Amino acid sequence: VAVLAAASGLAAGLDLRSVLLGGVT
């Protein structure tokens, strides 16, 4: 679930660092 949520955040244009460290998804 975490991988899928992160992938959806990246697809929405979010920064990789933010997704991995800050959980911005």
mmCIF file of all heavy atoms, coordinates in Angstrom:
data_MODEL
# 
_entry.id   MODEL 
# 
loop_
_atom_site.group_PDB 
_atom_site.id 
_atom_site.type_symbol 
_atom_site.label_atom_id 
_atom_site.label_alt_id 
_atom_site.label_comp_id 
_atom_site.label_asym_id 
_atom_site.label_entity_id 
_atom_site.label_seq_id 
_atom_site.pdbx_PDB_ins_code 
_atom_site.Cartn_x 
_atom_site.Cartn_y 
_atom_site.Cartn_z 
_atom_site.occupancy 
_atom_site.B_iso_or_equiv 
_atom_site.pdbx_formal_charge 
_atom_site.auth_seq_id 
_atom_site.auth_comp_id 
_atom_site.auth_asym_id 
_atom_site.auth_atom_id 
_atom_site.pdbx_PDB_model_num 
ATOM 1   N N   . VAL A 1 1  ? 0.831  -1.201 0.000   1.00 0.00 ? 1  VAL A N   1 
ATOM 2   C CA  . VAL A 1 1  ? 0.000  0.000  0.000   1.00 0.00 ? 1  VAL A CA  1 
ATOM 3   C C   . VAL A 1 1  ? 0.865  1.249  0.000   1.00 0.00 ? 1  VAL A C   1 
ATOM 4   O O   . VAL A 1 1  ? 0.572  2.234  -0.699  1.00 0.00 ? 1  VAL A O   1 
ATOM 5   C CB  . VAL A 1 1  ? -0.950 -0.005 1.218   1.00 0.00 ? 1  VAL A CB  1 
ATOM 6   C CG1 . VAL A 1 1  ? -1.670 1.343  1.348   1.00 0.00 ? 1  VAL A CG1 1 
ATOM 7   C CG2 . VAL A 1 1  ? -1.970 -1.126 1.086   1.00 0.00 ? 1  VAL A CG2 1 
ATOM 8   N N   . ALA A 1 2  ? 1.969  1.233  0.761   1.00 0.00 ? 2  ALA A N   1 
ATOM 9   C CA  . ALA A 1 2  ? 2.859  2.389  0.804   1.00 0.00 ? 2  ALA A CA  1 
ATOM 10  C C   . ALA A 1 2  ? 3.487  2.658  -0.561  1.00 0.00 ? 2  ALA A C   1 
ATOM 11  O O   . ALA A 1 2  ? 3.601  3.813  -0.992  1.00 0.00 ? 2  ALA A O   1 
ATOM 12  C CB  . ALA A 1 2  ? 3.953  2.163  1.847   1.00 0.00 ? 2  ALA A CB  1 
ATOM 13  N N   . VAL A 1 3  ? 3.888  1.598  -1.249  1.00 0.00 ? 3  VAL A N   1 
ATOM 14  C CA  . VAL A 1 3  ? 4.485  1.755  -2.579  1.00 0.00 ? 3  VAL A CA  1 
ATOM 15  C C   . VAL A 1 3  ? 3.460  2.320  -3.559  1.00 0.00 ? 3  VAL A C   1 
ATOM 16  O O   . VAL A 1 3  ? 3.762  3.228  -4.348  1.00 0.00 ? 3  VAL A O   1 
ATOM 17  C CB  . VAL A 1 3  ? 5.040  0.410  -3.075  1.00 0.00 ? 3  VAL A CB  1 
ATOM 18  C CG1 . VAL A 1 3  ? 5.448  0.499  -4.550  1.00 0.00 ? 3  VAL A CG1 1 
ATOM 19  C CG2 . VAL A 1 3  ? 6.238  -0.010 -2.236  1.00 0.00 ? 3  VAL A CG2 1 
ATOM 20  N N   . LEU A 1 4  ? 2.246  1.789  -3.525  1.00 0.00 ? 4  LEU A N   1 
ATOM 21  C CA  . LEU A 1 4  ? 1.204  2.270  -4.433  1.00 0.00 ? 4  LEU A CA  1 
ATOM 22  C C   . LEU A 1 4  ? 0.844  3.729  -4.155  1.00 0.00 ? 4  LEU A C   1 
ATOM 23  O O   . LEU A 1 4  ? 0.660  4.522  -5.083  1.00 0.00 ? 4  LEU A O   1 
ATOM 24  C CB  . LEU A 1 4  ? -0.042 1.385  -4.307  1.00 0.00 ? 4  LEU A CB  1 
ATOM 25  C CG  . LEU A 1 4  ? 0.105  -0.059 -4.794  1.00 0.00 ? 4  LEU A CG  1 
ATOM 26  C CD1 . LEU A 1 4  ? -1.165 -0.858 -4.495  1.00 0.00 ? 4  LEU A CD1 1 
ATOM 27  C CD2 . LEU A 1 4  ? 0.415  -0.100 -6.282  1.00 0.00 ? 4  LEU A CD2 1 
ATOM 28  N N   . ALA A 1 5  ? 0.751  4.088  -2.858  1.00 0.00 ? 5  ALA A N   1 
ATOM 29  C CA  . ALA A 1 5  ? 0.431  5.470  -2.515  1.00 0.00 ? 5  ALA A CA  1 
ATOM 30  C C   . ALA A 1 5  ? 1.549  6.411  -2.948  1.00 0.00 ? 5  ALA A C   1 
ATOM 31  O O   . ALA A 1 5  ? 1.296  7.508  -3.461  1.00 0.00 ? 5  ALA A O   1 
ATOM 32  C CB  . ALA A 1 5  ? 0.193  5.588  -1.007  1.00 0.00 ? 5  ALA A CB  1 
ATOM 33  N N   . ALA A 1 6  ? 2.807  5.966  -2.755  1.00 0.00 ? 6  ALA A N   1 
ATOM 34  C CA  . ALA A 1 6  ? 3.939  6.784  -3.187  1.00 0.00 ? 6  ALA A CA  1 
ATOM 35  C C   . ALA A 1 6  ? 3.947  6.949  -4.703  1.00 0.00 ? 6  ALA A C   1 
ATOM 36  O O   . ALA A 1 6  ? 4.214  8.040  -5.230  1.00 0.00 ? 6  ALA A O   1 
ATOM 37  C CB  . ALA A 1 6  ? 5.243  6.154  -2.711  1.00 0.00 ? 6  ALA A CB  1 
ATOM 38  N N   . ALA A 1 7  ? 3.647  5.856  -5.415  1.00 0.00 ? 7  ALA A N   1 
ATOM 39  C CA  . ALA A 1 7  ? 3.623  5.914  -6.871  1.00 0.00 ? 7  ALA A CA  1 
ATOM 40  C C   . ALA A 1 7  ? 2.548  6.884  -7.354  1.00 0.00 ? 7  ALA A C   1 
ATOM 41  O O   . ALA A 1 7  ? 2.745  7.633  -8.319  1.00 0.00 ? 7  ALA A O   1 
ATOM 42  C CB  . ALA A 1 7  ? 3.383  4.523  -7.451  1.00 0.00 ? 7  ALA A CB  1 
ATOM 43  N N   . SER A 1 8  ? 1.414  6.901  -6.670  1.00 0.00 ? 8  SER A N   1 
ATOM 44  C CA  . SER A 1 8  ? 0.348  7.824  -7.070  1.00 0.00 ? 8  SER A CA  1 
ATOM 45  C C   . SER A 1 8  ? 0.773  9.267  -6.818  1.00 0.00 ? 8  SER A C   1 
ATOM 46  O O   . SER A 1 8  ? 0.403  10.172 -7.578  1.00 0.00 ? 8  SER A O   1 
ATOM 47  C CB  . SER A 1 8  ? -0.945 7.508  -6.311  1.00 0.00 ? 8  SER A CB  1 
ATOM 48  O OG  . SER A 1 8  ? -0.831 7.837  -4.941  1.00 0.00 ? 8  SER A OG  1 
ATOM 49  N N   . GLY A 1 9  ? 1.550  9.489  -5.745  1.00 0.00 ? 9  GLY A N   1 
ATOM 50  C CA  . GLY A 1 9  ? 2.052  10.826 -5.487  1.00 0.00 ? 9  GLY A CA  1 
ATOM 51  C C   . GLY A 1 9  ? 3.034  11.282 -6.540  1.00 0.00 ? 9  GLY A C   1 
ATOM 52  O O   . GLY A 1 9  ? 2.993  12.429 -7.007  1.00 0.00 ? 9  GLY A O   1 
ATOM 53  N N   . LEU A 1 10 ? 3.922  10.377 -6.957  1.00 0.00 ? 10 LEU A N   1 
ATOM 54  C CA  . LEU A 1 10 ? 4.884  10.708 -8.015  1.00 0.00 ? 10 LEU A CA  1 
ATOM 55  C C   . LEU A 1 10 ? 4.163  10.968 -9.329  1.00 0.00 ? 10 LEU A C   1 
ATOM 56  O O   . LEU A 1 10 ? 4.535  11.870 -10.085 1.00 0.00 ? 10 LEU A O   1 
ATOM 57  C CB  . LEU A 1 10 ? 5.890  9.568  -8.169  1.00 0.00 ? 10 LEU A CB  1 
ATOM 58  C CG  . LEU A 1 10 ? 6.832  9.327  -6.975  1.00 0.00 ? 10 LEU A CG  1 
ATOM 59  C CD1 . LEU A 1 10 ? 7.679  8.084  -7.215  1.00 0.00 ? 10 LEU A CD1 1 
ATOM 60  C CD2 . LEU A 1 10 ? 7.725  10.542 -6.747  1.00 0.00 ? 10 LEU A CD2 1 
ATOM 61  N N   . ALA A 1 11 ? 3.142  10.181 -9.610  1.00 0.00 ? 11 ALA A N   1 
ATOM 62  C CA  . ALA A 1 11 ? 2.379  10.381 -10.843 1.00 0.00 ? 11 ALA A CA  1 
ATOM 63  C C   . ALA A 1 11 ? 1.665  11.729 -10.852 1.00 0.00 ? 11 ALA A C   1 
ATOM 64  O O   . ALA A 1 11 ? 1.415  12.307 -11.920 1.00 0.00 ? 11 ALA A O   1 
ATOM 65  C CB  . ALA A 1 11 ? 1.361  9.251  -11.011 1.00 0.00 ? 11 ALA A CB  1 
ATOM 66  N N   . ALA A 1 12 ? 1.364  12.226 -9.642  1.00 0.00 ? 12 ALA A N   1 
ATOM 67  C CA  . ALA A 1 12 ? 0.697  13.519 -9.544  1.00 0.00 ? 12 ALA A CA  1 
ATOM 68  C C   . ALA A 1 12 ? 1.689  14.681 -9.584  1.00 0.00 ? 12 ALA A C   1 
ATOM 69  O O   . ALA A 1 12 ? 1.298  15.844 -9.445  1.00 0.00 ? 12 ALA A O   1 
ATOM 70  C CB  . ALA A 1 12 ? -0.121 13.585 -8.256  1.00 0.00 ? 12 ALA A CB  1 
ATOM 71  N N   . GLY A 1 13 ? 2.994  14.334 -9.749  1.00 0.00 ? 13 GLY A N   1 
ATOM 72  C CA  . GLY A 1 13 ? 4.009  15.369 -9.876  1.00 0.00 ? 13 GLY A CA  1 
ATOM 73  C C   . GLY A 1 13 ? 4.718  15.747 -8.604  1.00 0.00 ? 13 GLY A C   1 
ATOM 74  O O   . GLY A 1 13 ? 5.453  16.745 -8.564  1.00 0.00 ? 13 GLY A O   1 
ATOM 75  N N   . LEU A 1 14 ? 4.536  14.962 -7.509  1.00 0.00 ? 14 LEU A N   1 
ATOM 76  C CA  . LEU A 1 14 ? 5.207  15.269 -6.259  1.00 0.00 ? 14 LEU A CA  1 
ATOM 77  C C   . LEU A 1 14 ? 6.679  14.884 -6.318  1.00 0.00 ? 14 LEU A C   1 
ATOM 78  O O   . LEU A 1 14 ? 7.077  13.990 -7.064  1.00 0.00 ? 14 LEU A O   1 
ATOM 79  C CB  . LEU A 1 14 ? 4.520  14.535 -5.100  1.00 0.00 ? 14 LEU A CB  1 
ATOM 80  C CG  . LEU A 1 14 ? 3.063  14.933 -4.835  1.00 0.00 ? 14 LEU A CG  1 
ATOM 81  C CD1 . LEU A 1 14 ? 2.478  14.089 -3.721  1.00 0.00 ? 14 LEU A CD1 1 
ATOM 82  C CD2 . LEU A 1 14 ? 2.973  16.411 -4.469  1.00 0.00 ? 14 LEU A CD2 1 
ATOM 83  N N   . ASP A 1 15 ? 7.502  15.544 -5.510  1.00 0.00 ? 15 ASP A N   1 
ATOM 84  C CA  . ASP A 1 15 ? 8.939  15.317 -5.472  1.00 0.00 ? 15 ASP A CA  1 
ATOM 85  C C   . ASP A 1 15 ? 9.262  13.994 -4.785  1.00 0.00 ? 15 ASP A C   1 
ATOM 86  O O   . ASP A 1 15 ? 8.670  13.654 -3.762  1.00 0.00 ? 15 ASP A O   1 
ATOM 87  C CB  . ASP A 1 15 ? 9.612  16.473 -4.722  1.00 0.00 ? 15 ASP A CB  1 
ATOM 88  C CG  . ASP A 1 15 ? 11.098 16.266 -4.566  1.00 0.00 ? 15 ASP A CG  1 
ATOM 89  O OD1 . ASP A 1 15 ? 11.819 16.367 -5.585  1.00 0.00 ? 15 ASP A OD1 1 
ATOM 90  O OD2 . ASP A 1 15 ? 11.533 15.993 -3.435  1.00 0.00 ? 15 ASP A OD2 1 
ATOM 91  N N   . LEU A 1 16 ? 10.220 13.210 -5.337  1.00 0.00 ? 16 LEU A N   1 
ATOM 92  C CA  . LEU A 1 16 ? 10.578 11.906 -4.787  1.00 0.00 ? 16 LEU A CA  1 
ATOM 93  C C   . LEU A 1 16 ? 11.056 12.032 -3.346  1.00 0.00 ? 16 LEU A C   1 
ATOM 94  O O   . LEU A 1 16 ? 10.686 11.226 -2.481  1.00 0.00 ? 16 LEU A O   1 
ATOM 95  C CB  . LEU A 1 16 ? 11.664 11.246 -5.645  1.00 0.00 ? 16 LEU A CB  1 
ATOM 96  C CG  . LEU A 1 16 ? 12.208 9.898  -5.135  1.00 0.00 ? 16 LEU A CG  1 
ATOM 97  C CD1 . LEU A 1 16 ? 11.101 8.857  -5.058  1.00 0.00 ? 16 LEU A CD1 1 
ATOM 98  C CD2 . LEU A 1 16 ? 13.341 9.403  -6.035  1.00 0.00 ? 16 LEU A CD2 1 
ATOM 99  N N   . ARG A 1 17 ? 11.907 13.006 -3.064  1.00 0.00 ? 17 ARG A N   1 
ATOM 100 C CA  . ARG A 1 17 ? 12.409 13.180 -1.697  1.00 0.00 ? 17 ARG A CA  1 
ATOM 101 C C   . ARG A 1 17 ? 11.263 13.426 -0.718  1.00 0.00 ? 17 ARG A C   1 
ATOM 102 O O   . ARG A 1 17 ? 11.247 12.871 0.388   1.00 0.00 ? 17 ARG A O   1 
ATOM 103 C CB  . ARG A 1 17 ? 13.405 14.346 -1.664  1.00 0.00 ? 17 ARG A CB  1 
ATOM 104 C CG  . ARG A 1 17 ? 13.934 14.670 -0.271  1.00 0.00 ? 17 ARG A CG  1 
ATOM 105 C CD  . ARG A 1 17 ? 14.859 15.881 -0.312  1.00 0.00 ? 17 ARG A CD  1 
ATOM 106 N NE  . ARG A 1 17 ? 15.253 16.294 1.024   1.00 0.00 ? 17 ARG A NE  1 
ATOM 107 C CZ  . ARG A 1 17 ? 16.263 15.762 1.707   1.00 0.00 ? 17 ARG A CZ  1 
ATOM 108 N NH1 . ARG A 1 17 ? 16.968 14.779 1.170   1.00 0.00 ? 17 ARG A NH1 1 
ATOM 109 N NH2 . ARG A 1 17 ? 16.563 16.191 2.913   1.00 0.00 ? 17 ARG A NH2 1 
ATOM 110 N N   . SER A 1 18 ? 10.324 14.242 -1.115  1.00 0.00 ? 18 SER A N   1 
ATOM 111 C CA  . SER A 1 18 ? 9.184  14.525 -0.246  1.00 0.00 ? 18 SER A CA  1 
ATOM 112 C C   . SER A 1 18 ? 8.350  13.283 -0.010  1.00 0.00 ? 18 SER A C   1 
ATOM 113 O O   . SER A 1 18 ? 7.877  13.037 1.104   1.00 0.00 ? 18 SER A O   1 
ATOM 114 C CB  . SER A 1 18 ? 8.312  15.629 -0.860  1.00 0.00 ? 18 SER A CB  1 
ATOM 115 O OG  . SER A 1 18 ? 9.034  16.830 -0.986  1.00 0.00 ? 18 SER A OG  1 
ATOM 116 N N   . VAL A 1 19 ? 8.173  12.486 -1.045  1.00 0.00 ? 19 VAL A N   1 
ATOM 117 C CA  . VAL A 1 19 ? 7.375  11.271 -0.918  1.00 0.00 ? 19 VAL A CA  1 
ATOM 118 C C   . VAL A 1 19 ? 8.040  10.276 0.022   1.00 0.00 ? 19 VAL A C   1 
ATOM 119 O O   . VAL A 1 19 ? 7.392  9.669  0.884   1.00 0.00 ? 19 VAL A O   1 
ATOM 120 C CB  . VAL A 1 19 ? 7.138  10.633 -2.304  1.00 0.00 ? 19 VAL A CB  1 
ATOM 121 C CG1 . VAL A 1 19 ? 6.541  9.244  -2.161  1.00 0.00 ? 19 VAL A CG1 1 
ATOM 122 C CG2 . VAL A 1 19 ? 6.234  11.517 -3.142  1.00 0.00 ? 19 VAL A CG2 1 
ATOM 123 N N   . LEU A 1 20 ? 9.362  10.111 -0.107  1.00 0.00 ? 20 LEU A N   1 
ATOM 124 C CA  . LEU A 1 20 ? 10.075 9.117  0.694   1.00 0.00 ? 20 LEU A CA  1 
ATOM 125 C C   . LEU A 1 20 ? 10.300 9.559  2.129   1.00 0.00 ? 20 LEU A C   1 
ATOM 126 O O   . LEU A 1 20 ? 10.198 8.760  3.060   1.00 0.00 ? 20 LEU A O   1 
ATOM 127 C CB  . LEU A 1 20 ? 11.420 8.781  0.038   1.00 0.00 ? 20 LEU A CB  1 
ATOM 128 C CG  . LEU A 1 20 ? 11.352 8.050  -1.304  1.00 0.00 ? 20 LEU A CG  1 
ATOM 129 C CD1 . LEU A 1 20 ? 12.752 7.807  -1.841  1.00 0.00 ? 20 LEU A CD1 1 
ATOM 130 C CD2 . LEU A 1 20 ? 10.606 6.726  -1.169  1.00 0.00 ? 20 LEU A CD2 1 
ATOM 131 N N   . LEU A 1 21 ? 10.620 10.820 2.330   1.00 0.00 ? 21 LEU A N   1 
ATOM 132 C CA  . LEU A 1 21 ? 10.983 11.292 3.663   1.00 0.00 ? 21 LEU A CA  1 
ATOM 133 C C   . LEU A 1 21 ? 9.833  11.986 4.381   1.00 0.00 ? 21 LEU A C   1 
ATOM 134 O O   . LEU A 1 21 ? 9.702  11.863 5.603   1.00 0.00 ? 21 LEU A O   1 
ATOM 135 C CB  . LEU A 1 21 ? 12.181 12.248 3.573   1.00 0.00 ? 21 LEU A CB  1 
ATOM 136 C CG  . LEU A 1 21 ? 13.463 11.653 2.985   1.00 0.00 ? 21 LEU A CG  1 
ATOM 137 C CD1 . LEU A 1 21 ? 14.582 12.672 2.998   1.00 0.00 ? 21 LEU A CD1 1 
ATOM 138 C CD2 . LEU A 1 21 ? 13.889 10.396 3.764   1.00 0.00 ? 21 LEU A CD2 1 
ATOM 139 N N   . GLY A 1 22 ? 9.014  12.682 3.645   1.00 0.00 ? 22 GLY A N   1 
ATOM 140 C CA  . GLY A 1 22 ? 7.938  13.422 4.291   1.00 0.00 ? 22 GLY A CA  1 
ATOM 141 C C   . GLY A 1 22 ? 6.581  12.775 4.159   1.00 0.00 ? 22 GLY A C   1 
ATOM 142 O O   . GLY A 1 22 ? 5.620  13.191 4.810   1.00 0.00 ? 22 GLY A O   1 
ATOM 143 N N   . GLY A 1 23 ? 6.496  11.755 3.335   1.00 0.00 ? 23 GLY A N   1 
ATOM 144 C CA  . GLY A 1 23 ? 5.227  11.085 3.175   1.00 0.00 ? 23 GLY A CA  1 
ATOM 145 C C   . GLY A 1 23 ? 4.182  11.922 2.470   1.00 0.00 ? 23 GLY A C   1 
ATOM 146 O O   . GLY A 1 23 ? 2.985  11.777 2.716   1.00 0.00 ? 23 GLY A O   1 
ATOM 147 N N   . VAL A 1 24 ? 4.606  12.832 1.598   1.00 0.00 ? 24 VAL A N   1 
ATOM 148 C CA  . VAL A 1 24 ? 3.647  13.682 0.897   1.00 0.00 ? 24 VAL A CA  1 
ATOM 149 C C   . VAL A 1 24 ? 3.008  12.879 -0.229  1.00 0.00 ? 24 VAL A C   1 
ATOM 150 O O   . VAL A 1 24 ? 3.523  12.790 -1.328  1.00 0.00 ? 24 VAL A O   1 
ATOM 151 C CB  . VAL A 1 24 ? 4.332  14.944 0.336   1.00 0.00 ? 24 VAL A CB  1 
ATOM 152 C CG1 . VAL A 1 24 ? 3.299  15.830 -0.352  1.00 0.00 ? 24 VAL A CG1 1 
ATOM 153 C CG2 . VAL A 1 24 ? 5.007  15.704 1.454   1.00 0.00 ? 24 VAL A CG2 1 
ATOM 154 N N   . THR A 1 25 ? 1.920  12.247 0.049   1.00 0.00 ? 25 THR A N   1 
ATOM 155 C CA  . THR A 1 25 ? 1.152  11.487 -0.933  1.00 0.00 ? 25 THR A CA  1 
ATOM 156 C C   . THR A 1 25 ? -0.321 11.817 -0.733  1.00 0.00 ? 25 THR A C   1 
ATOM 157 O O   . THR A 1 25 ? -0.703 12.342 0.316   1.00 0.00 ? 25 THR A O   1 
ATOM 158 C CB  . THR A 1 25 ? 1.360  9.962  -0.758  1.00 0.00 ? 25 THR A CB  1 
ATOM 159 O OG1 . THR A 1 25 ? 0.990  9.606  0.586   1.00 0.00 ? 25 THR A OG1 1 
ATOM 160 C CG2 . THR A 1 25 ? 2.810  9.572  -0.996  1.00 0.00 ? 25 THR A CG2 1 
# 
